[in-house]
N, C-alpha and C. Protein backbone atom coordinates (compact mmCIF):
# COMPACT_ATOMS: atom_id res chain seq x y z
N MET A 1 -3.67 22.32 -5.90
CA MET A 1 -5.20 22.09 -6.24
C MET A 1 -5.86 21.72 -5.08
N GLU A 2 -7.02 22.33 -4.80
CA GLU A 2 -7.84 22.21 -3.59
C GLU A 2 -8.47 20.79 -3.50
N GLU A 3 -8.43 20.01 -2.60
CA GLU A 3 -9.09 18.73 -2.41
C GLU A 3 -10.63 18.89 -2.48
N LYS A 4 -11.20 18.00 -3.34
CA LYS A 4 -12.70 18.05 -3.46
C LYS A 4 -13.35 17.00 -2.58
N THR A 5 -14.72 17.20 -2.24
CA THR A 5 -15.42 16.20 -1.59
C THR A 5 -15.84 15.08 -2.56
N VAL A 6 -15.68 13.86 -2.16
CA VAL A 6 -16.00 12.71 -2.95
C VAL A 6 -16.68 11.63 -2.11
N ASN A 7 -17.59 11.01 -2.61
CA ASN A 7 -18.28 9.92 -1.87
C ASN A 7 -17.33 8.92 -1.28
N PRO A 8 -17.29 8.67 -0.04
CA PRO A 8 -16.26 7.87 0.63
C PRO A 8 -16.33 6.52 0.11
N MET A 9 -17.57 5.94 -0.29
CA MET A 9 -17.64 4.51 -0.86
C MET A 9 -16.92 4.49 -2.10
N LEU A 10 -17.09 5.56 -2.93
CA LEU A 10 -16.45 5.54 -4.29
C LEU A 10 -14.97 5.68 -4.20
N LYS A 11 -14.50 6.43 -3.23
CA LYS A 11 -13.12 6.65 -3.00
C LYS A 11 -12.47 5.35 -2.51
N GLN A 12 -13.16 4.68 -1.66
CA GLN A 12 -12.68 3.30 -1.21
C GLN A 12 -12.71 2.35 -2.27
N ALA A 13 -13.56 2.34 -3.07
CA ALA A 13 -13.74 1.37 -4.26
C ALA A 13 -12.56 1.62 -5.26
N LEU A 14 -12.23 2.88 -5.40
CA LEU A 14 -10.99 3.31 -6.31
C LEU A 14 -9.75 2.83 -5.64
N GLU A 15 -9.63 2.87 -4.48
CA GLU A 15 -8.30 2.45 -3.84
C GLU A 15 -8.23 0.98 -3.69
N LEU A 16 -9.33 0.31 -3.37
CA LEU A 16 -9.28 -1.14 -3.21
C LEU A 16 -9.46 -1.92 -4.49
N GLY A 17 -10.14 -1.29 -5.47
CA GLY A 17 -10.45 -1.95 -6.72
C GLY A 17 -9.30 -2.69 -7.37
N PRO A 18 -8.21 -1.97 -7.63
CA PRO A 18 -7.06 -2.62 -8.43
C PRO A 18 -6.55 -3.86 -7.90
N PRO A 19 -6.18 -3.98 -6.56
CA PRO A 19 -5.81 -5.20 -5.96
C PRO A 19 -6.84 -6.30 -6.06
N LEU A 20 -8.16 -6.08 -5.95
CA LEU A 20 -9.19 -6.95 -6.04
C LEU A 20 -9.34 -7.45 -7.52
N ALA A 21 -9.09 -6.47 -8.42
CA ALA A 21 -9.20 -6.86 -9.88
C ALA A 21 -8.10 -7.79 -10.22
N PHE A 22 -6.88 -7.46 -9.59
CA PHE A 22 -5.69 -8.44 -9.86
C PHE A 22 -6.11 -9.76 -9.44
N PHE A 23 -6.65 -9.90 -8.18
CA PHE A 23 -6.95 -11.19 -7.58
C PHE A 23 -7.91 -11.95 -8.46
N VAL A 24 -8.92 -11.20 -8.91
CA VAL A 24 -9.95 -12.04 -9.79
C VAL A 24 -9.32 -12.40 -11.08
N ALA A 25 -8.51 -11.53 -11.67
CA ALA A 25 -7.88 -11.82 -13.00
C ALA A 25 -6.89 -13.02 -12.81
N TYR A 26 -6.20 -13.04 -11.71
CA TYR A 26 -5.26 -14.16 -11.47
C TYR A 26 -6.07 -15.42 -11.23
N LEU A 27 -7.16 -15.44 -10.55
CA LEU A 27 -7.96 -16.68 -10.42
C LEU A 27 -8.52 -17.21 -11.74
N TYR A 28 -8.81 -16.31 -12.58
CA TYR A 28 -9.39 -16.57 -13.97
C TYR A 28 -8.30 -17.16 -14.83
N MET A 29 -7.05 -16.55 -14.73
CA MET A 29 -6.02 -16.78 -15.81
C MET A 29 -4.92 -17.72 -15.32
N ARG A 30 -4.88 -18.05 -14.00
CA ARG A 30 -3.73 -18.77 -13.46
C ARG A 30 -3.37 -20.13 -14.11
N ASP A 31 -4.40 -20.77 -14.75
CA ASP A 31 -4.04 -22.15 -15.37
C ASP A 31 -3.83 -21.98 -16.87
N GLU A 32 -3.89 -20.68 -17.32
CA GLU A 32 -3.71 -20.49 -18.74
C GLU A 32 -2.35 -20.06 -19.15
N VAL A 33 -1.95 -20.22 -20.44
CA VAL A 33 -0.76 -19.70 -20.91
C VAL A 33 -1.02 -18.89 -22.15
N TYR A 34 -0.45 -17.64 -22.27
CA TYR A 34 -0.84 -16.81 -23.29
C TYR A 34 0.41 -16.43 -24.16
N SER A 35 0.15 -16.50 -25.50
CA SER A 35 1.32 -16.24 -26.45
C SER A 35 1.19 -14.81 -26.94
N VAL A 36 2.18 -13.94 -26.74
CA VAL A 36 2.16 -12.58 -27.15
C VAL A 36 3.45 -12.31 -27.77
N GLY A 37 3.43 -11.99 -29.10
CA GLY A 37 4.60 -11.63 -29.88
C GLY A 37 5.62 -12.78 -29.83
N GLY A 38 5.11 -14.00 -29.88
CA GLY A 38 5.99 -15.18 -29.82
C GLY A 38 6.46 -15.67 -28.54
N THR A 39 6.15 -14.85 -27.44
CA THR A 39 6.62 -15.24 -26.16
C THR A 39 5.48 -15.81 -25.41
N GLU A 40 5.58 -16.81 -24.64
CA GLU A 40 4.52 -17.46 -23.80
C GLU A 40 4.58 -16.81 -22.36
N TYR A 41 3.46 -16.41 -21.88
CA TYR A 41 3.33 -15.87 -20.55
C TYR A 41 2.32 -16.65 -19.77
N ASP A 42 2.58 -16.90 -18.47
CA ASP A 42 1.48 -17.55 -17.76
C ASP A 42 0.62 -16.68 -17.22
N GLY A 43 -0.60 -17.16 -16.65
CA GLY A 43 -1.60 -16.27 -16.15
C GLY A 43 -1.26 -15.15 -15.24
N PHE A 44 -0.39 -15.51 -14.25
CA PHE A 44 0.14 -14.66 -13.24
C PHE A 44 0.84 -13.42 -13.91
N ILE A 45 1.57 -13.72 -14.87
CA ILE A 45 2.32 -12.56 -15.62
C ILE A 45 1.38 -11.59 -16.30
N VAL A 46 0.40 -12.17 -16.90
CA VAL A 46 -0.62 -11.32 -17.65
C VAL A 46 -1.46 -10.64 -16.68
N ALA A 47 -1.86 -11.24 -15.62
CA ALA A 47 -2.60 -10.51 -14.54
C ALA A 47 -1.80 -9.31 -13.98
N ALA A 48 -0.50 -9.69 -13.74
CA ALA A 48 0.32 -8.52 -13.33
C ALA A 48 0.41 -7.35 -14.26
N ALA A 49 0.52 -7.70 -15.52
CA ALA A 49 0.57 -6.62 -16.57
C ALA A 49 -0.61 -5.84 -16.56
N LEU A 50 -1.77 -6.57 -16.47
CA LEU A 50 -3.11 -5.77 -16.54
C LEU A 50 -3.24 -4.95 -15.35
N PHE A 51 -2.59 -5.35 -14.15
CA PHE A 51 -2.79 -4.59 -12.93
C PHE A 51 -2.36 -3.19 -13.04
N VAL A 52 -1.18 -3.01 -13.82
CA VAL A 52 -0.61 -1.69 -13.94
C VAL A 52 -1.54 -0.56 -14.55
N PRO A 53 -2.14 -0.87 -15.78
CA PRO A 53 -2.97 0.16 -16.24
C PRO A 53 -4.29 0.37 -15.49
N VAL A 54 -4.69 -0.75 -14.85
CA VAL A 54 -5.84 -0.62 -13.97
C VAL A 54 -5.57 0.38 -12.77
N LEU A 55 -4.46 0.13 -12.18
CA LEU A 55 -4.07 0.99 -10.98
C LEU A 55 -3.90 2.37 -11.48
N LEU A 56 -3.27 2.65 -12.60
CA LEU A 56 -3.10 4.07 -13.08
C LEU A 56 -4.46 4.70 -13.39
N ALA A 57 -5.38 3.93 -13.97
CA ALA A 57 -6.61 4.53 -14.40
C ALA A 57 -7.35 4.90 -13.05
N SER A 58 -7.32 4.02 -12.13
CA SER A 58 -7.94 4.19 -10.79
C SER A 58 -7.38 5.42 -10.21
N MET A 59 -6.10 5.59 -10.20
CA MET A 59 -5.49 6.82 -9.51
C MET A 59 -5.76 8.02 -10.32
N ALA A 60 -5.80 7.99 -11.62
CA ALA A 60 -6.23 9.14 -12.43
C ALA A 60 -7.63 9.57 -12.12
N LEU A 61 -8.56 8.75 -11.97
CA LEU A 61 -9.88 9.01 -11.66
C LEU A 61 -9.93 9.55 -10.22
N LEU A 62 -9.20 8.98 -9.38
CA LEU A 62 -9.24 9.42 -7.92
C LEU A 62 -8.71 10.87 -7.90
N TRP A 63 -7.60 11.15 -8.63
CA TRP A 63 -7.07 12.52 -8.71
C TRP A 63 -8.16 13.44 -9.26
N ARG A 64 -8.79 12.99 -10.33
CA ARG A 64 -9.82 13.95 -10.95
C ARG A 64 -10.88 14.26 -10.08
N LEU A 65 -11.30 13.24 -9.21
CA LEU A 65 -12.50 13.51 -8.34
C LEU A 65 -12.01 14.21 -7.03
N THR A 66 -10.90 14.01 -6.51
CA THR A 66 -10.53 14.59 -5.21
C THR A 66 -9.55 15.70 -5.36
N GLY A 67 -8.85 15.87 -6.59
CA GLY A 67 -7.93 16.95 -6.69
C GLY A 67 -6.58 16.75 -6.08
N ARG A 68 -6.35 15.53 -5.60
CA ARG A 68 -5.01 15.19 -4.91
C ARG A 68 -4.76 13.69 -4.88
N LEU A 69 -3.38 13.40 -4.77
CA LEU A 69 -2.96 12.06 -4.49
C LEU A 69 -1.99 12.14 -3.34
N SER A 70 -2.01 11.16 -2.45
CA SER A 70 -1.11 11.11 -1.37
C SER A 70 0.27 10.78 -1.91
N ARG A 71 1.30 11.17 -1.24
CA ARG A 71 2.65 10.77 -1.59
C ARG A 71 2.88 9.31 -1.63
N LEU A 72 2.30 8.63 -0.62
CA LEU A 72 2.29 7.13 -0.58
C LEU A 72 1.75 6.47 -1.84
N GLN A 73 0.64 7.09 -2.26
CA GLN A 73 -0.04 6.48 -3.41
C GLN A 73 0.84 6.65 -4.71
N VAL A 74 1.52 7.86 -4.83
CA VAL A 74 2.32 8.16 -5.88
C VAL A 74 3.56 7.21 -5.76
N VAL A 75 4.26 7.03 -4.76
CA VAL A 75 5.37 6.15 -4.58
C VAL A 75 5.02 4.72 -4.89
N THR A 76 3.85 4.31 -4.42
CA THR A 76 3.32 2.94 -4.75
C THR A 76 3.16 2.64 -6.15
N ALA A 77 2.59 3.71 -6.87
CA ALA A 77 2.30 3.59 -8.26
C ALA A 77 3.66 3.47 -9.08
N VAL A 78 4.57 4.29 -8.68
CA VAL A 78 5.91 4.17 -9.35
C VAL A 78 6.53 2.76 -9.19
N LEU A 79 6.43 2.24 -8.01
CA LEU A 79 7.09 0.93 -7.77
C LEU A 79 6.28 -0.12 -8.46
N VAL A 80 5.00 -0.07 -8.58
CA VAL A 80 4.12 -1.01 -9.40
C VAL A 80 4.50 -0.99 -10.82
N ILE A 81 4.63 0.29 -11.40
CA ILE A 81 4.94 0.38 -12.75
C ILE A 81 6.41 -0.27 -13.06
N VAL A 82 7.35 0.05 -12.17
CA VAL A 82 8.69 -0.51 -12.40
C VAL A 82 8.66 -2.01 -12.30
N PHE A 83 8.18 -2.48 -11.22
CA PHE A 83 8.30 -3.97 -11.01
C PHE A 83 7.31 -4.73 -11.91
N GLY A 84 6.18 -4.07 -12.26
CA GLY A 84 5.28 -4.74 -13.19
C GLY A 84 6.01 -4.84 -14.55
N GLY A 85 6.68 -3.78 -14.91
CA GLY A 85 7.34 -3.73 -16.24
C GLY A 85 8.46 -4.84 -16.17
N LEU A 86 9.17 -4.88 -15.14
CA LEU A 86 10.23 -5.96 -15.05
C LEU A 86 9.73 -7.37 -14.95
N THR A 87 8.65 -7.58 -14.42
CA THR A 87 7.98 -8.85 -14.41
C THR A 87 7.69 -9.38 -15.82
N VAL A 88 7.08 -8.40 -16.68
CA VAL A 88 6.68 -8.70 -17.99
C VAL A 88 7.99 -8.86 -18.86
N TRP A 89 8.96 -7.96 -18.70
CA TRP A 89 10.08 -7.83 -19.49
C TRP A 89 10.97 -9.07 -19.35
N PHE A 90 11.10 -9.63 -18.10
CA PHE A 90 11.87 -10.81 -17.91
C PHE A 90 11.03 -12.07 -17.75
N ASN A 91 9.73 -11.85 -17.95
CA ASN A 91 8.75 -12.96 -17.88
C ASN A 91 9.01 -13.76 -16.56
N ASN A 92 9.10 -13.08 -15.50
CA ASN A 92 9.52 -13.69 -14.20
C ASN A 92 8.59 -13.09 -13.05
N GLU A 93 7.80 -13.93 -12.41
CA GLU A 93 6.90 -13.40 -11.50
C GLU A 93 7.52 -12.90 -10.24
N THR A 94 8.83 -13.23 -10.01
CA THR A 94 9.56 -12.78 -8.81
C THR A 94 9.53 -11.39 -8.59
N PHE A 95 9.67 -10.61 -9.62
CA PHE A 95 9.76 -9.10 -9.61
C PHE A 95 8.48 -8.61 -8.93
N PHE A 96 7.36 -9.08 -9.38
CA PHE A 96 6.11 -8.53 -8.90
C PHE A 96 5.87 -8.95 -7.43
N LYS A 97 6.31 -10.09 -7.05
CA LYS A 97 6.24 -10.52 -5.63
C LYS A 97 7.19 -9.67 -4.81
N MET A 98 8.33 -9.43 -5.28
CA MET A 98 9.29 -8.65 -4.51
C MET A 98 8.81 -7.09 -4.33
N LYS A 99 7.90 -6.65 -5.24
CA LYS A 99 7.42 -5.26 -5.21
C LYS A 99 6.78 -4.98 -3.85
N THR A 100 6.10 -5.94 -3.23
CA THR A 100 5.44 -5.77 -1.96
C THR A 100 6.44 -5.51 -0.90
N THR A 101 7.52 -6.40 -0.91
CA THR A 101 8.55 -6.24 0.14
C THR A 101 9.17 -4.79 -0.02
N ILE A 102 9.50 -4.31 -1.28
CA ILE A 102 10.13 -3.05 -1.37
C ILE A 102 9.25 -1.95 -0.96
N VAL A 103 7.94 -2.04 -1.24
CA VAL A 103 6.98 -1.02 -0.86
C VAL A 103 6.91 -0.85 0.67
N TYR A 104 6.74 -2.00 1.33
CA TYR A 104 6.63 -1.99 2.77
C TYR A 104 8.01 -1.59 3.41
N GLY A 105 9.14 -2.07 2.79
CA GLY A 105 10.37 -1.86 3.36
C GLY A 105 10.70 -0.33 3.16
N LEU A 106 10.31 0.24 2.00
CA LEU A 106 10.53 1.68 1.83
C LEU A 106 9.78 2.57 2.76
N PHE A 107 8.54 2.23 3.08
CA PHE A 107 7.83 2.89 3.99
C PHE A 107 8.53 2.92 5.32
N ALA A 108 8.94 1.74 5.78
CA ALA A 108 9.52 1.52 6.99
C ALA A 108 10.91 2.34 7.11
N ALA A 109 11.65 2.34 5.99
CA ALA A 109 12.81 3.12 5.98
C ALA A 109 12.62 4.60 5.99
N LEU A 110 11.68 5.10 5.26
CA LEU A 110 11.29 6.60 5.28
C LEU A 110 10.97 6.96 6.73
N LEU A 111 10.01 6.25 7.39
CA LEU A 111 9.64 6.53 8.72
C LEU A 111 10.85 6.52 9.62
N GLY A 112 11.73 5.54 9.47
CA GLY A 112 12.92 5.40 10.28
C GLY A 112 13.83 6.58 10.16
N VAL A 113 14.09 7.00 8.98
CA VAL A 113 14.87 8.16 8.62
C VAL A 113 14.35 9.33 9.44
N GLY A 114 13.06 9.62 9.27
CA GLY A 114 12.46 10.65 10.09
C GLY A 114 12.62 10.62 11.50
N LEU A 115 12.51 9.40 12.07
CA LEU A 115 12.72 9.24 13.52
C LEU A 115 14.25 9.52 13.95
N LEU A 116 15.12 9.10 13.08
CA LEU A 116 16.57 9.42 13.39
C LEU A 116 16.81 10.93 13.34
N GLN A 117 16.04 11.65 12.61
CA GLN A 117 16.24 13.11 12.44
C GLN A 117 15.28 13.82 13.58
N GLY A 118 14.68 12.95 14.44
CA GLY A 118 13.76 13.51 15.47
C GLY A 118 12.56 14.02 14.88
N LYS A 119 11.96 13.56 13.77
CA LYS A 119 10.84 14.05 13.20
C LYS A 119 9.87 12.83 12.92
N SER A 120 8.58 13.18 12.76
CA SER A 120 7.55 12.20 12.41
C SER A 120 7.14 12.57 10.98
N TYR A 121 7.54 11.91 9.96
CA TYR A 121 7.00 12.06 8.67
C TYR A 121 5.54 11.72 8.59
N LEU A 122 5.13 10.85 9.48
CA LEU A 122 3.66 10.39 9.54
C LEU A 122 2.73 11.74 9.87
N SER A 123 3.26 12.45 10.78
CA SER A 123 2.36 13.66 11.18
C SER A 123 2.39 14.62 9.97
N TRP A 124 3.43 14.57 9.23
CA TRP A 124 3.44 15.51 7.97
C TRP A 124 2.43 15.05 6.99
N VAL A 125 2.06 13.85 6.96
CA VAL A 125 1.13 13.22 5.95
C VAL A 125 -0.17 13.28 6.59
N LEU A 126 -0.34 12.97 7.76
CA LEU A 126 -1.78 12.71 8.35
C LEU A 126 -2.09 13.70 9.39
N GLY A 127 -1.20 14.69 9.67
CA GLY A 127 -1.51 15.69 10.77
C GLY A 127 -2.80 16.38 10.59
N ASP A 128 -3.11 16.84 9.44
CA ASP A 128 -4.48 17.50 9.24
C ASP A 128 -5.66 16.63 9.47
N LEU A 129 -5.55 15.38 9.32
CA LEU A 129 -6.65 14.46 9.50
C LEU A 129 -6.80 13.92 10.94
N MET A 130 -5.75 13.87 11.68
CA MET A 130 -5.69 13.29 13.00
C MET A 130 -4.92 14.10 13.96
N PRO A 131 -5.45 15.11 14.65
CA PRO A 131 -4.70 15.93 15.62
C PRO A 131 -4.11 15.04 16.66
N MET A 132 -2.82 15.22 16.96
CA MET A 132 -2.13 14.46 18.02
C MET A 132 -0.99 15.21 18.55
N GLU A 133 -0.71 15.00 19.81
CA GLU A 133 0.48 15.60 20.37
C GLU A 133 1.75 15.05 19.70
N GLU A 134 2.87 15.77 19.71
CA GLU A 134 4.14 15.44 19.10
C GLU A 134 4.52 13.99 19.65
N GLU A 135 4.47 13.84 20.93
CA GLU A 135 4.95 12.49 21.49
C GLU A 135 4.17 11.40 20.96
N GLY A 136 2.93 11.52 20.74
CA GLY A 136 2.00 10.61 20.20
C GLY A 136 2.55 10.25 18.77
N TRP A 137 2.74 11.28 17.94
CA TRP A 137 3.13 11.05 16.64
C TRP A 137 4.37 10.29 16.50
N MET A 138 5.44 10.56 17.38
CA MET A 138 6.67 9.89 17.48
C MET A 138 6.49 8.36 17.76
N LYS A 139 5.62 8.12 18.81
CA LYS A 139 5.38 6.77 19.12
C LYS A 139 4.65 5.96 18.11
N LEU A 140 3.58 6.61 17.37
CA LEU A 140 2.96 6.01 16.30
C LEU A 140 3.77 5.71 15.15
N THR A 141 4.66 6.67 14.81
CA THR A 141 5.59 6.54 13.76
C THR A 141 6.51 5.40 13.94
N TRP A 142 7.12 5.32 15.18
CA TRP A 142 8.02 4.23 15.52
C TRP A 142 7.32 2.89 15.32
N ARG A 143 6.12 2.70 15.84
CA ARG A 143 5.37 1.53 15.85
C ARG A 143 4.92 1.12 14.38
N LEU A 144 4.68 2.09 13.47
CA LEU A 144 4.26 1.77 12.15
C LEU A 144 5.55 1.38 11.39
N ALA A 145 6.68 2.01 11.67
CA ALA A 145 7.95 1.64 11.04
C ALA A 145 8.17 0.21 11.31
N VAL A 146 8.02 -0.17 12.56
CA VAL A 146 8.26 -1.56 12.90
C VAL A 146 7.24 -2.58 12.19
N GLY A 147 5.95 -1.98 12.15
CA GLY A 147 4.92 -2.81 11.41
C GLY A 147 5.25 -2.99 9.99
N PHE A 148 5.61 -1.93 9.28
CA PHE A 148 5.94 -2.07 7.92
C PHE A 148 7.11 -3.00 7.65
N ALA A 149 8.13 -2.91 8.55
CA ALA A 149 9.30 -3.72 8.50
C ALA A 149 8.95 -5.21 8.57
N ALA A 150 7.96 -5.34 9.66
CA ALA A 150 7.51 -6.82 9.84
C ALA A 150 6.75 -7.42 8.57
N LEU A 151 6.00 -6.47 7.95
CA LEU A 151 5.20 -6.96 6.78
C LEU A 151 6.17 -7.14 5.57
N ALA A 152 7.24 -6.44 5.48
CA ALA A 152 8.21 -6.63 4.42
C ALA A 152 8.91 -8.09 4.59
N VAL A 153 9.29 -8.35 5.88
CA VAL A 153 9.95 -9.65 6.08
C VAL A 153 8.94 -10.76 5.91
N ALA A 154 7.66 -10.55 6.37
CA ALA A 154 6.68 -11.59 6.13
C ALA A 154 6.35 -11.79 4.64
N ASN A 155 6.42 -10.87 3.83
CA ASN A 155 6.26 -11.03 2.37
C ASN A 155 7.40 -11.83 1.83
N GLU A 156 8.54 -11.59 2.25
CA GLU A 156 9.78 -12.34 1.85
C GLU A 156 9.53 -13.86 2.12
N ILE A 157 9.11 -14.16 3.36
CA ILE A 157 8.91 -15.42 3.84
C ILE A 157 7.85 -16.11 2.98
N VAL A 158 6.76 -15.47 2.79
CA VAL A 158 5.60 -15.95 2.14
C VAL A 158 5.94 -16.37 0.70
N TRP A 159 6.44 -15.42 -0.11
CA TRP A 159 6.68 -15.70 -1.57
C TRP A 159 7.77 -16.75 -1.80
N ARG A 160 8.73 -16.76 -0.89
CA ARG A 160 9.88 -17.71 -0.98
C ARG A 160 9.45 -19.11 -0.58
N THR A 161 8.45 -19.28 0.31
CA THR A 161 8.32 -20.60 0.88
C THR A 161 6.92 -21.18 0.57
N MET A 162 5.99 -20.27 0.07
CA MET A 162 4.73 -20.79 -0.33
C MET A 162 4.43 -20.72 -1.79
N SER A 163 3.17 -21.27 -2.12
CA SER A 163 2.73 -21.29 -3.48
C SER A 163 2.33 -19.96 -3.92
N THR A 164 2.22 -19.77 -5.29
CA THR A 164 1.84 -18.40 -5.88
C THR A 164 0.43 -18.23 -5.45
N ASP A 165 -0.47 -19.19 -5.44
CA ASP A 165 -1.86 -19.11 -4.90
C ASP A 165 -1.90 -18.47 -3.52
N ALA A 166 -1.15 -19.05 -2.66
CA ALA A 166 -1.12 -18.59 -1.20
C ALA A 166 -0.67 -17.19 -1.12
N TRP A 167 0.46 -16.90 -2.02
CA TRP A 167 0.98 -15.49 -1.90
C TRP A 167 -0.12 -14.43 -2.36
N VAL A 168 -0.77 -14.74 -3.52
CA VAL A 168 -1.83 -13.75 -4.08
C VAL A 168 -2.84 -13.57 -3.05
N LYS A 169 -3.30 -14.63 -2.35
CA LYS A 169 -4.39 -14.47 -1.34
C LYS A 169 -3.94 -13.67 -0.15
N ILE A 170 -2.75 -13.94 0.30
CA ILE A 170 -2.11 -13.17 1.55
C ILE A 170 -1.92 -11.75 1.11
N GLU A 171 -1.26 -11.46 -0.10
CA GLU A 171 -0.97 -10.14 -0.57
C GLU A 171 -2.24 -9.37 -0.73
N THR A 172 -3.35 -10.06 -1.20
CA THR A 172 -4.58 -9.24 -1.50
C THR A 172 -5.33 -9.00 -0.14
N PHE A 173 -5.41 -9.87 0.70
CA PHE A 173 -6.38 -9.74 1.83
C PHE A 173 -5.56 -9.67 3.31
N VAL A 174 -4.73 -10.65 3.45
CA VAL A 174 -4.08 -10.71 4.89
C VAL A 174 -3.31 -9.53 5.28
N PHE A 175 -2.31 -9.12 4.28
CA PHE A 175 -1.37 -8.01 4.70
C PHE A 175 -2.20 -6.72 4.78
N PRO A 176 -3.10 -6.29 3.94
CA PRO A 176 -3.87 -5.06 4.25
C PRO A 176 -4.78 -5.10 5.45
N ILE A 177 -5.30 -6.25 5.76
CA ILE A 177 -6.28 -6.30 6.84
C ILE A 177 -5.34 -6.25 8.13
N ALA A 178 -4.20 -6.95 8.17
CA ALA A 178 -3.35 -6.85 9.28
C ALA A 178 -2.82 -5.50 9.55
N LEU A 179 -2.55 -4.76 8.43
CA LEU A 179 -1.99 -3.40 8.58
C LEU A 179 -3.03 -2.52 9.08
N ILE A 180 -4.29 -2.60 8.66
CA ILE A 180 -5.39 -1.72 9.10
C ILE A 180 -5.70 -2.00 10.58
N LEU A 181 -5.73 -3.29 10.90
CA LEU A 181 -5.99 -3.65 12.37
C LEU A 181 -4.91 -3.16 13.21
N TYR A 182 -3.60 -3.29 12.83
CA TYR A 182 -2.49 -2.92 13.58
C TYR A 182 -2.49 -1.31 13.78
N LEU A 183 -2.85 -0.58 12.71
CA LEU A 183 -2.99 0.79 12.85
C LEU A 183 -4.00 1.31 13.83
N TRP A 184 -5.20 0.70 13.67
CA TRP A 184 -6.19 1.04 14.59
C TRP A 184 -5.99 0.60 15.97
N LEU A 185 -5.20 -0.35 16.21
CA LEU A 185 -4.89 -0.87 17.60
C LEU A 185 -3.82 0.20 18.16
N GLN A 186 -2.94 0.66 17.35
CA GLN A 186 -2.02 1.65 17.81
C GLN A 186 -2.72 3.03 18.09
N ILE A 187 -3.70 3.44 17.30
CA ILE A 187 -4.36 4.71 17.44
C ILE A 187 -5.26 4.60 18.67
N PHE A 188 -5.81 3.43 18.98
CA PHE A 188 -6.56 3.29 20.15
C PHE A 188 -5.68 3.39 21.40
N ALA A 189 -4.43 2.71 21.31
CA ALA A 189 -3.62 2.70 22.42
C ALA A 189 -2.96 4.06 22.70
N LEU A 190 -3.07 5.07 21.74
CA LEU A 190 -2.56 6.33 21.87
C LEU A 190 -3.50 7.44 22.05
N GLN A 191 -4.68 6.99 22.46
CA GLN A 191 -5.85 7.96 22.49
C GLN A 191 -5.53 9.19 23.47
N LYS A 192 -4.64 8.92 24.46
CA LYS A 192 -4.43 10.05 25.36
C LYS A 192 -3.63 11.18 24.88
N TYR A 193 -3.19 10.94 23.62
CA TYR A 193 -2.46 12.02 22.95
C TYR A 193 -3.21 12.84 21.95
N MET A 194 -4.56 12.42 21.89
CA MET A 194 -5.36 13.01 20.86
C MET A 194 -6.45 13.95 21.25
N ASP A 195 -6.46 14.32 22.54
CA ASP A 195 -7.49 15.28 22.99
C ASP A 195 -6.98 16.68 23.00
N LEU A 196 -6.42 17.13 21.88
CA LEU A 196 -5.83 18.47 21.77
C LEU A 196 -6.96 19.52 21.63
N GLU A 197 -8.10 19.24 21.09
CA GLU A 197 -9.18 20.21 20.92
C GLU A 197 -9.91 20.43 22.25
N SER A 198 -10.22 19.38 23.01
CA SER A 198 -10.84 19.41 24.25
C SER A 198 -9.91 20.05 25.32
N ASP A 199 -8.62 19.87 25.20
CA ASP A 199 -7.52 20.57 26.08
C ASP A 199 -7.65 22.04 25.85
N SER A 200 -7.68 22.39 24.56
CA SER A 200 -7.65 23.93 24.35
C SER A 200 -8.84 24.58 24.77
N GLN A 201 -10.03 23.91 24.64
CA GLN A 201 -11.29 24.41 25.04
C GLN A 201 -11.36 24.67 26.50
N SER A 202 -10.70 23.74 27.25
CA SER A 202 -10.78 23.77 28.72
C SER A 202 -9.91 24.91 29.27
N GLU A 203 -8.93 25.40 28.56
CA GLU A 203 -8.08 26.42 29.13
C GLU A 203 -8.68 27.81 28.99
């Protein structure tokens, strides 16, 4: 299906909305206990359970508007469904917290596998959006693999050593902002590999 043009602000809202909705729901529910089917669930578990359909609804609308979903979005959604389900089934917030580690770890592993094969899976995903020489893609892929691995380790440290409140705030804001800043820093550092169009025009 051909990708459709959509308002960038709306697209951004659909992508960032579910995590922010989880954050708000957690703040509202964290001190409450809810009884469902004779089982008591704390606010975190309920907020995690609500996050799954909100994320799926957001992705469905995004697909309807744009005509496509990235592979990373699909993988993330599958992991959210699996670990959100385990969180509710076992009534244990650990599964939902580990989800972040596995998402970042999986991205790092996939990029690493590509590097071992002499390929940049990142260029396969983003090549149409960001023209870059092969050497630049390999360097960016290597650095992002390290970045994702670092975030996976950081998440393990945070959820195992800090409070749930701290983890929710860091998971919602600190990790995404750190990743975006790190990505832009790497893109800026690799600018010399991005002048493909100007090079072709000068020949």
